[in-house]
């Protein structure tokens, strides 16, 4: 497993796309904090950029890499190596490489400009979001044998979590505005890792008051120690569930 993992990491590090991804994140981060006179405002601006670009790069790059490595995977399967080790190595290599690129690109300026607690939360959320969308990419690529279809599914999943989910939530809130559905919204938030991550950061920036009564409900739940534990547990489940399903499918798949 260590040899496969080492090969995957070295292969990804050589890829100019990952280097460009880290550089672009760094440019966004440094310029955002340089232009804003307040670190919290800068972090809020950077949050919106990160929650769009990080999931997109993670899911697209991972999906394309898996399809590109199909011959390499078939070669490994032909050897006496457990399929679970092959799949775990690919996942660990992709997730760790993209997470390191995120830390190098966005982590350094965040740690310099933002106080430690907020910086730690932002970095934790960014790393988890990266790994979540790598796991989703593994699931979409194993479910679709056709490369074009698999990449299309990945893009649609990103569009749903990044844009469409918010529209669905706003539609529900508008349609049922006469009913006390604020507490239900807390549960619905768990259905999107991006929304869950956004709320965790917004609560750290003390802007929940701008969200009205719904913000107070979110703060009462996500602002507590138990709420934070549950939130991070849900984000971890967003990694475990898609990857576990993809692992089961890979073990049974006829290559």
C-alpha atoms as a PDB file:
ATOM      1  CA  UNK A   1       0.000   0.000   0.000  1.00  0.00           C
ATOM      2  CA  UNK A   2       2.859   2.393   0.878  1.00  0.00           C
ATOM      3  CA  UNK A   3       4.446   1.921  -2.554  1.00  0.00           C
ATOM      4  CA  UNK A   4       1.180   2.620  -4.375  1.00  0.00           C
ATOM      5  CA  UNK A   5       0.509   5.641  -2.156  1.00  0.00           C
ATOM      6  CA  UNK A   6       4.006   6.987  -2.776  1.00  0.00           C
ATOM      7  CA  UNK A   7       3.598   6.540  -6.542  1.00  0.00           C
ATOM      8  CA  UNK A   8       0.212   8.329  -6.547  1.00  0.00           C
ATOM      9  CA  UNK A   9       1.512  11.272  -4.493  1.00  0.00           C
ATOM     10  CA  UNK A  10       4.645  11.673  -6.654  1.00  0.00           C
ATOM     11  CA  UNK A  11       2.533  11.455  -9.815  1.00  0.00           C
ATOM     12  CA  UNK A  12       0.110  14.125  -8.538  1.00  0.00           C
ATOM     13  CA  UNK A  13       2.897  16.410  -7.305  1.00  0.00           C
ATOM     14  CA  UNK A  14       4.371  16.354 -10.826  1.00  0.00           C
ATOM     15  CA  UNK A  15       0.987  17.450 -12.193  1.00  0.00           C
ATOM     16  CA  UNK A  16       1.052  21.157 -13.028  1.00  0.00           C
ATOM     17  CA  UNK A  17      -2.686  21.501 -12.354  1.00  0.00           C
ATOM     18  CA  UNK A  18      -2.210  20.907  -8.610  1.00  0.00           C
ATOM     19  CA  UNK A  19       0.649  23.428  -8.557  1.00  0.00           C
ATOM     20  CA  UNK A  20      -1.501  25.961 -10.438  1.00  0.00           C
ATOM     21  CA  UNK A  21      -4.366  25.278  -7.996  1.00  0.00           C
ATOM     22  CA  UNK A  22      -2.133  26.065  -5.007  1.00  0.00           C
ATOM     23  CA  UNK A  23      -0.786  29.233  -6.672  1.00  0.00           C
ATOM     24  CA  UNK A  24      -4.292  30.496  -7.570  1.00  0.00           C
ATOM     25  CA  UNK A  25      -5.496  29.887  -4.003  1.00  0.00           C
ATOM     26  CA  UNK A  26      -2.459  31.762  -2.700  1.00  0.00           C
ATOM     27  CA  UNK A  27      -3.117  34.718  -5.023  1.00  0.00           C
ATOM     28  CA  UNK A  28      -6.773  34.862  -3.967  1.00  0.00           C
ATOM     29  CA  UNK A  29      -5.873  34.604  -0.278  1.00  0.00           C
ATOM     30  CA  UNK A  30      -3.035  37.136  -0.169  1.00  0.00           C
ATOM     31  CA  UNK A  31      -4.914  39.665  -2.331  1.00  0.00           C
ATOM     32  CA  UNK A  32      -8.120  39.310  -0.278  1.00  0.00           C
ATOM     33  CA  UNK A  33      -6.396  39.973   3.034  1.00  0.00           C
ATOM     34  CA  UNK A  34      -4.305  42.784   1.534  1.00  0.00           C
ATOM     35  CA  UNK A  35      -7.352  44.615   0.153  1.00  0.00           C
ATOM     36  CA  UNK A  36      -9.532  44.245   3.265  1.00  0.00           C
ATOM     37  CA  UNK A  37      -8.765  46.373   6.315  1.00  0.00           C
ATOM     38  CA  UNK A  38     -10.488  43.846   8.593  1.00  0.00           C
ATOM     39  CA  UNK A  39      -9.335  40.214   8.875  1.00  0.00           C
ATOM     40  CA  UNK A  40     -12.893  38.964   9.474  1.00  0.00           C
ATOM     41  CA  UNK A  41     -14.137  40.652   6.295  1.00  0.00           C
ATOM     42  CA  UNK A  42     -11.237  39.152   4.389  1.00  0.00           C
ATOM     43  CA  UNK A  43     -12.007  35.696   5.775  1.00  0.00           C
ATOM     44  CA  UNK A  44     -15.674  36.081   4.833  1.00  0.00           C
ATOM     45  CA  UNK A  45     -14.739  37.005   1.249  1.00  0.00           C
ATOM     46  CA  UNK A  46     -12.229  34.155   1.066  1.00  0.00           C
ATOM     47  CA  UNK A  47     -14.830  31.731   2.448  1.00  0.00           C
ATOM     48  CA  UNK A  48     -17.129  32.334  -0.522  1.00  0.00           C
ATOM     49  CA  UNK A  49     -14.242  31.760  -2.948  1.00  0.00           C
ATOM     50  CA  UNK A  50     -13.061  28.606  -1.183  1.00  0.00           C
ATOM     51  CA  UNK A  51     -16.519  27.037  -0.934  1.00  0.00           C
ATOM     52  CA  UNK A  52     -16.867  27.306  -4.710  1.00  0.00           C
ATOM     53  CA  UNK A  53     -13.370  26.551  -6.012  1.00  0.00           C
ATOM     54  CA  UNK A  54     -12.126  23.887  -3.565  1.00  0.00           C
ATOM     55  CA  UNK A  55     -15.042  21.427  -4.103  1.00  0.00           C
ATOM     56  CA  UNK A  56     -14.944  21.993  -7.888  1.00  0.00           C
ATOM     57  CA  UNK A  57     -11.204  21.322  -8.189  1.00  0.00           C
ATOM     58  CA  UNK A  58     -11.342  18.355  -5.778  1.00  0.00           C
ATOM     59  CA  UNK A  59     -14.210  16.560  -7.521  1.00  0.00           C
ATOM     60  CA  UNK A  60     -13.135  17.305 -11.103  1.00  0.00           C
ATOM     61  CA  UNK A  61      -9.429  16.592 -10.684  1.00  0.00           C
ATOM     62  CA  UNK A  62     -10.106  13.365  -8.736  1.00  0.00           C
ATOM     63  CA  UNK A  63     -12.653  12.080 -11.260  1.00  0.00           C
ATOM     64  CA  UNK A  64     -10.374  12.774 -14.231  1.00  0.00           C
ATOM     65  CA  UNK A  65      -7.371  11.260 -12.426  1.00  0.00           C
ATOM     66  CA  UNK A  66      -9.234   8.013 -11.683  1.00  0.00           C
ATOM     67  CA  UNK A  67     -10.291   7.598 -15.313  1.00  0.00           C
ATOM     68  CA  UNK A  68      -6.783   8.494 -16.465  1.00  0.00           C
ATOM     69  CA  UNK A  69      -5.344   5.832 -14.119  1.00  0.00           C
ATOM     70  CA  UNK A  70      -7.732   3.078 -15.275  1.00  0.00           C
ATOM     71  CA  UNK A  71      -4.974   1.087 -17.026  1.00  0.00           C
ATOM     72  CA  UNK A  72      -2.712   1.445 -13.983  1.00  0.00           C
ATOM     73  CA  UNK A  73      -5.548   0.249 -11.722  1.00  0.00           C
ATOM     74  CA  UNK A  74      -6.200  -2.765 -13.992  1.00  0.00           C
ATOM     75  CA  UNK A  75      -2.488  -3.605 -13.857  1.00  0.00           C
ATOM     76  CA  UNK A  76      -2.508  -3.483 -10.050  1.00  0.00           C
ATOM     77  CA  UNK A  77      -5.649  -5.626  -9.866  1.00  0.00           C
ATOM     78  CA  UNK A  78      -3.925  -8.301 -11.964  1.00  0.00           C
ATOM     79  CA  UNK A  79      -1.292  -8.621  -9.222  1.00  0.00           C
ATOM     80  CA  UNK A  80      -1.884 -10.329  -5.857  1.00  0.00           C
ATOM     81  CA  UNK A  81      -2.854  -7.081  -4.152  1.00  0.00           C
ATOM     82  CA  UNK A  82      -6.095  -6.589  -2.280  1.00  0.00           C
ATOM     83  CA  UNK A  83      -8.479  -4.294  -4.111  1.00  0.00           C
ATOM     84  CA  UNK A  84      -9.189  -2.425  -0.889  1.00  0.00           C
ATOM     85  CA  UNK A  85      -5.488  -1.477  -0.610  1.00  0.00           C
ATOM     86  CA  UNK A  86      -5.461  -0.174  -4.191  1.00  0.00           C
ATOM     87  CA  UNK A  87      -8.583   1.943  -3.679  1.00  0.00           C
ATOM     88  CA  UNK A  88      -7.419   3.223  -0.265  1.00  0.00           C
ATOM     89  CA  UNK A  89      -4.023   4.185  -1.691  1.00  0.00           C
ATOM     90  CA  UNK A  90      -5.576   6.131  -4.564  1.00  0.00           C
ATOM     91  CA  UNK A  91      -7.951   7.887  -2.187  1.00  0.00           C
ATOM     92  CA  UNK A  92      -5.259   8.724   0.379  1.00  0.00           C
ATOM     93  CA  UNK A  93      -2.893   9.978  -2.338  1.00  0.00           C
ATOM     94  CA  UNK A  94      -5.460  12.254  -3.986  1.00  0.00           C
ATOM     95  CA  UNK A  95      -6.937  13.543  -0.725  1.00  0.00           C
ATOM     96  CA  UNK A  96      -3.587  14.273   0.919  1.00  0.00           C
ATOM     97  CA  UNK A  97      -2.115  15.953  -2.196  1.00  0.00           C
ATOM     98  CA  UNK A  98      -5.107  18.273  -2.689  1.00  0.00           C
ATOM     99  CA  UNK A  99      -5.305  18.986   1.059  1.00  0.00           C
ATOM    100  CA  UNK A 100      -1.607  19.958   1.113  1.00  0.00           C
ATOM    101  CA  UNK A 101      -2.156  22.207  -1.925  1.00  0.00           C
ATOM    102  CA  UNK A 102      -5.018  23.897  -0.043  1.00  0.00           C
ATOM    103  CA  UNK A 103      -2.909  24.371   3.097  1.00  0.00           C
ATOM    104  CA  UNK A 104       0.033  25.797   1.126  1.00  0.00           C
ATOM    105  CA  UNK A 105      -2.177  28.055  -0.986  1.00  0.00           C
ATOM    106  CA  UNK A 106      -4.752  29.329   1.516  1.00  0.00           C
ATOM    107  CA  UNK A 107      -3.494  28.115   4.880  1.00  0.00           C
ATOM    108  CA  UNK A 108      -0.373  30.260   5.215  1.00  0.00           C
ATOM    109  CA  UNK A 109      -2.086  33.673   4.703  1.00  0.00           C
ATOM    110  CA  UNK A 110      -5.034  32.596   6.877  1.00  0.00           C
ATOM    111  CA  UNK A 111      -2.691  31.667   9.736  1.00  0.00           C
ATOM    112  CA  UNK A 112      -0.833  34.988   9.376  1.00  0.00           C
ATOM    113  CA  UNK A 113      -3.837  37.337   9.187  1.00  0.00           C
ATOM    114  CA  UNK A 114      -6.534  35.562  11.245  1.00  0.00           C
ATOM    115  CA  UNK A 115      -6.519  34.629  14.940  1.00  0.00           C
ATOM    116  CA  UNK A 116      -5.747  30.990  15.690  1.00  0.00           C
ATOM    117  CA  UNK A 117      -9.249  29.683  16.534  1.00  0.00           C
ATOM    118  CA  UNK A 118     -10.867  31.087  13.369  1.00  0.00           C
ATOM    119  CA  UNK A 119      -7.868  30.050  11.261  1.00  0.00           C
ATOM    120  CA  UNK A 120      -7.967  26.510  12.668  1.00  0.00           C
ATOM    121  CA  UNK A 121     -11.705  26.254  11.950  1.00  0.00           C
ATOM    122  CA  UNK A 122     -11.255  27.554   8.404  1.00  0.00           C
ATOM    123  CA  UNK A 123      -8.387  25.177   7.650  1.00  0.00           C
ATOM    124  CA  UNK A 124     -10.240  22.205   9.184  1.00  0.00           C
ATOM    125  CA  UNK A 125     -13.339  22.940   7.117  1.00  0.00           C
ATOM    126  CA  UNK A 126     -11.276  23.446   3.939  1.00  0.00           C
ATOM    127  CA  UNK A 127      -9.443  20.146   4.399  1.00  0.00           C
ATOM    128  CA  UNK A 128     -12.679  18.263   5.171  1.00  0.00           C
ATOM    129  CA  UNK A 129     -14.442  19.780   2.150  1.00  0.00           C
ATOM    130  CA  UNK A 130     -11.494  18.703  -0.026  1.00  0.00           C
ATOM    131  CA  UNK A 131     -11.618  15.114   1.232  1.00  0.00           C
ATOM    132  CA  UNK A 132     -15.443  14.992   1.000  1.00  0.00           C
ATOM    133  CA  UNK A 133     -15.464  15.901  -2.682  1.00  0.00           C
ATOM    134  CA  UNK A 134     -12.613  13.506  -3.412  1.00  0.00           C
ATOM    135  CA  UNK A 135     -14.778  10.770  -1.845  1.00  0.00           C
ATOM    136  CA  UNK A 136     -17.788  11.868  -3.941  1.00  0.00           C
ATOM    137  CA  UNK A 137     -15.558  11.794  -7.047  1.00  0.00           C
ATOM    138  CA  UNK A 138     -14.585   8.189  -6.261  1.00  0.00           C
ATOM    139  CA  UNK A 139     -18.253   7.255  -5.990  1.00  0.00           C
ATOM    140  CA  UNK A 140     -19.278   8.934  -9.256  1.00  0.00           C
ATOM    141  CA  UNK A 141     -16.325   7.449 -11.167  1.00  0.00           C
ATOM    142  CA  UNK A 142     -16.987   3.891  -9.975  1.00  0.00           C
ATOM    143  CA  UNK A 143     -20.706   4.145 -10.765  1.00  0.00           C
ATOM    144  CA  UNK A 144     -20.115   5.385 -14.333  1.00  0.00           C
ATOM    145  CA  UNK A 145     -17.909   3.329 -16.617  1.00  0.00           C
ATOM    146  CA  UNK A 146     -18.021   5.980 -19.349  1.00  0.00           C
ATOM    147  CA  UNK A 147     -15.532   8.813 -18.743  1.00  0.00           C
ATOM    148  CA  UNK A 148     -17.679  11.611 -20.170  1.00  0.00           C
ATOM    149  CA  UNK A 149     -20.700  10.489 -18.157  1.00  0.00           C
ATOM    150  CA  UNK A 150     -18.656  10.224 -14.958  1.00  0.00           C
ATOM    151  CA  UNK A 151     -17.210  13.728 -15.349  1.00  0.00           C
ATOM    152  CA  UNK A 152     -20.699  15.039 -16.158  1.00  0.00           C
ATOM    153  CA  UNK A 153     -22.122  13.463 -12.990  1.00  0.00           C
ATOM    154  CA  UNK A 154     -19.315  15.026 -10.930  1.00  0.00           C
ATOM    155  CA  UNK A 155     -20.039  18.491 -12.365  1.00  0.00           C
ATOM    156  CA  UNK A 156     -23.770  18.072 -11.701  1.00  0.00           C
ATOM    157  CA  UNK A 157     -23.086  17.015  -8.101  1.00  0.00           C
ATOM    158  CA  UNK A 158     -20.903  20.082  -7.584  1.00  0.00           C
ATOM    159  CA  UNK A 159     -23.588  22.325  -9.098  1.00  0.00           C
ATOM    160  CA  UNK A 160     -26.198  20.798  -6.814  1.00  0.00           C
ATOM    161  CA  UNK A 161     -24.207  21.218  -3.587  1.00  0.00           C
ATOM    162  CA  UNK A 162     -22.708  24.618  -4.478  1.00  0.00           C
ATOM    163  CA  UNK A 163     -25.709  26.340  -6.076  1.00  0.00           C
ATOM    164  CA  UNK A 164     -28.933  24.357  -6.447  1.00  0.00           C
ATOM    165  CA  UNK A 165     -29.192  23.218  -2.825  1.00  0.00           C
ATOM    166  CA  UNK A 166     -29.324  26.822  -1.609  1.00  0.00           C
ATOM    167  CA  UNK A 167     -32.094  27.513  -4.110  1.00  0.00           C
ATOM    168  CA  UNK A 168     -34.095  24.530  -2.855  1.00  0.00           C
ATOM    169  CA  UNK A 169     -33.676  25.672   0.769  1.00  0.00           C
ATOM    170  CA  UNK A 170     -34.759  29.229  -0.079  1.00  0.00           C
ATOM    171  CA  UNK A 171     -37.771  27.872  -1.968  1.00  0.00           C
ATOM    172  CA  UNK A 172     -38.825  25.771   1.035  1.00  0.00           C
ATOM    173  CA  UNK A 173     -38.380  28.700   3.417  1.00  0.00           C
ATOM    174  CA  UNK A 174     -40.453  30.927   1.131  1.00  0.00           C
ATOM    175  CA  UNK A 175     -43.219  28.359   0.642  1.00  0.00           C
ATOM    176  CA  UNK A 176     -43.467  27.500   4.338  1.00  0.00           C
ATOM    177  CA  UNK A 177     -42.681  30.938   5.766  1.00  0.00           C
ATOM    178  CA  UNK A 178     -45.912  30.895   7.794  1.00  0.00           C
ATOM    179  CA  UNK A 179     -44.766  27.822   9.703  1.00  0.00           C
ATOM    180  CA  UNK A 180     -41.997  27.467  12.339  1.00  0.00           C
ATOM    181  CA  UNK A 181     -39.552  25.509  10.166  1.00  0.00           C
ATOM    182  CA  UNK A 182     -36.327  27.051  11.501  1.00  0.00           C
ATOM    183  CA  UNK A 183     -35.428  23.951  13.512  1.00  0.00           C
ATOM    184  CA  UNK A 184     -36.144  21.768  10.488  1.00  0.00           C
ATOM    185  CA  UNK A 185     -33.667  23.935   8.537  1.00  0.00           C
ATOM    186  CA  UNK A 186     -30.933  22.832  10.942  1.00  0.00           C
ATOM    187  CA  UNK A 187     -31.558  19.217   9.924  1.00  0.00           C
ATOM    188  CA  UNK A 188     -31.778  20.066   6.219  1.00  0.00           C
ATOM    189  CA  UNK A 189     -28.387  21.812   6.446  1.00  0.00           C
ATOM    190  CA  UNK A 190     -26.779  18.437   7.169  1.00  0.00           C
ATOM    191  CA  UNK A 191     -27.742  17.337   3.641  1.00  0.00           C
ATOM    192  CA  UNK A 192     -25.116  19.658   2.135  1.00  0.00           C
ATOM    193  CA  UNK A 193     -21.481  19.647   3.334  1.00  0.00           C
ATOM    194  CA  UNK A 194     -20.903  23.069   1.752  1.00  0.00           C
ATOM    195  CA  UNK A 195     -23.802  24.702   3.617  1.00  0.00           C
ATOM    196  CA  UNK A 196     -22.790  23.007   6.850  1.00  0.00           C
ATOM    197  CA  UNK A 197     -19.222  24.295   6.445  1.00  0.00           C
ATOM    198  CA  UNK A 198     -20.430  27.803   5.629  1.00  0.00           C
ATOM    199  CA  UNK A 199     -22.569  27.994   8.786  1.00  0.00           C
ATOM    200  CA  UNK A 200     -19.704  26.746  10.984  1.00  0.00           C
ATOM    201  CA  UNK A 201     -17.427  29.539   9.720  1.00  0.00           C
ATOM    202  CA  UNK A 202     -20.125  32.236   9.842  1.00  0.00           C
ATOM    203  CA  UNK A 203     -20.798  31.420  13.493  1.00  0.00           C
ATOM    204  CA  UNK A 204     -17.091  31.822  14.250  1.00  0.00           C
ATOM    205  CA  UNK A 205     -17.208  35.267  12.616  1.00  0.00           C
ATOM    206  CA  UNK A 206     -20.186  36.322  14.812  1.00  0.00           C
ATOM    207  CA  UNK A 207     -22.364  37.279  11.843  1.00  0.00           C
ATOM    208  CA  UNK A 208     -25.227  34.957  12.802  1.00  0.00           C
ATOM    209  CA  UNK A 209     -27.170  38.011  14.031  1.00  0.00           C
ATOM    210  CA  UNK A 210     -27.514  39.073  10.385  1.00  0.00           C
ATOM    211  CA  UNK A 211     -29.393  35.822   9.730  1.00  0.00           C
ATOM    212  CA  UNK A 212     -32.274  36.779  12.048  1.00  0.00           C
ATOM    213  CA  UNK A 213     -34.194  34.198  14.059  1.00  0.00           C
ATOM    214  CA  UNK A 214     -32.873  31.363  11.901  1.00  0.00           C
ATOM    215  CA  UNK A 215     -29.333  32.511  12.722  1.00  0.00           C
ATOM    216  CA  UNK A 216     -30.159  32.397  16.422  1.00  0.00           C
ATOM    217  CA  UNK A 217     -31.410  28.797  16.008  1.00  0.00           C
ATOM    218  CA  UNK A 218     -28.192  27.860  14.181  1.00  0.00           C
ATOM    219  CA  UNK A 219     -26.079  29.525  16.872  1.00  0.00           C
ATOM    220  CA  UNK A 220     -27.944  27.733  19.664  1.00  0.00           C
ATOM    221  CA  UNK A 221     -27.189  24.392  17.994  1.00  0.00           C
ATOM    222  CA  UNK A 222     -23.921  24.732  16.062  1.00  0.00           C
ATOM    223  CA  UNK A 223     -22.408  27.225  18.511  1.00  0.00           C
ATOM    224  CA  UNK A 224     -22.328  24.746  21.395  1.00  0.00           C
ATOM    225  CA  UNK A 225     -19.618  22.140  21.990  1.00  0.00           C
ATOM    226  CA  UNK A 226     -22.069  19.312  21.283  1.00  0.00           C
ATOM    227  CA  UNK A 227     -23.197  21.094  18.106  1.00  0.00           C
ATOM    228  CA  UNK A 228     -19.600  21.384  16.887  1.00  0.00           C
ATOM    229  CA  UNK A 229     -18.961  17.698  17.572  1.00  0.00           C
ATOM    230  CA  UNK A 230     -22.135  16.731  15.695  1.00  0.00           C
ATOM    231  CA  UNK A 231     -21.248  19.068  12.807  1.00  0.00           C
ATOM    232  CA  UNK A 232     -17.759  17.637  12.357  1.00  0.00           C
ATOM    233  CA  UNK A 233     -19.175  14.112  12.754  1.00  0.00           C
ATOM    234  CA  UNK A 234     -21.613  14.835   9.912  1.00  0.00           C
ATOM    235  CA  UNK A 235     -18.764  16.148   7.731  1.00  0.00           C
ATOM    236  CA  UNK A 236     -16.755  12.990   8.455  1.00  0.00           C
ATOM    237  CA  UNK A 237     -19.810  10.900   7.532  1.00  0.00           C
ATOM    238  CA  UNK A 238     -19.868  12.738   4.204  1.00  0.00           C
ATOM    239  CA  UNK A 239     -16.395  11.240   3.666  1.00  0.00           C
ATOM    240  CA  UNK A 240     -17.060   7.762   5.042  1.00  0.00           C
ATOM    241  CA  UNK A 241     -20.392   7.005   3.328  1.00  0.00           C
ATOM    242  CA  UNK A 242     -19.519   7.857  -0.329  1.00  0.00           C
ATOM    243  CA  UNK A 243     -16.065   6.290  -0.072  1.00  0.00           C
ATOM    244  CA  UNK A 244     -17.379   3.129   1.607  1.00  0.00           C
ATOM    245  CA  UNK A 245     -19.979   2.666  -1.139  1.00  0.00           C
ATOM    246  CA  UNK A 246     -17.321   3.220  -3.817  1.00  0.00           C
ATOM    247  CA  UNK A 247     -15.011   0.712  -2.088  1.00  0.00           C
ATOM    248  CA  UNK A 248     -17.737  -1.948  -2.022  1.00  0.00           C
ATOM    249  CA  UNK A 249     -18.500  -1.299  -5.704  1.00  0.00           C
ATOM    250  CA  UNK A 250     -14.793  -1.442  -6.632  1.00  0.00           C
ATOM    251  CA  UNK A 251     -14.335  -4.783  -4.874  1.00  0.00           C
ATOM    252  CA  UNK A 252     -17.217  -6.276  -6.858  1.00  0.00           C
ATOM    253  CA  UNK A 253     -16.603  -4.505 -10.168  1.00  0.00           C
ATOM    254  CA  UNK A 254     -15.491  -6.552 -13.175  1.00  0.00           C
ATOM    255  CA  UNK A 255     -12.597  -4.587 -14.668  1.00  0.00           C
END
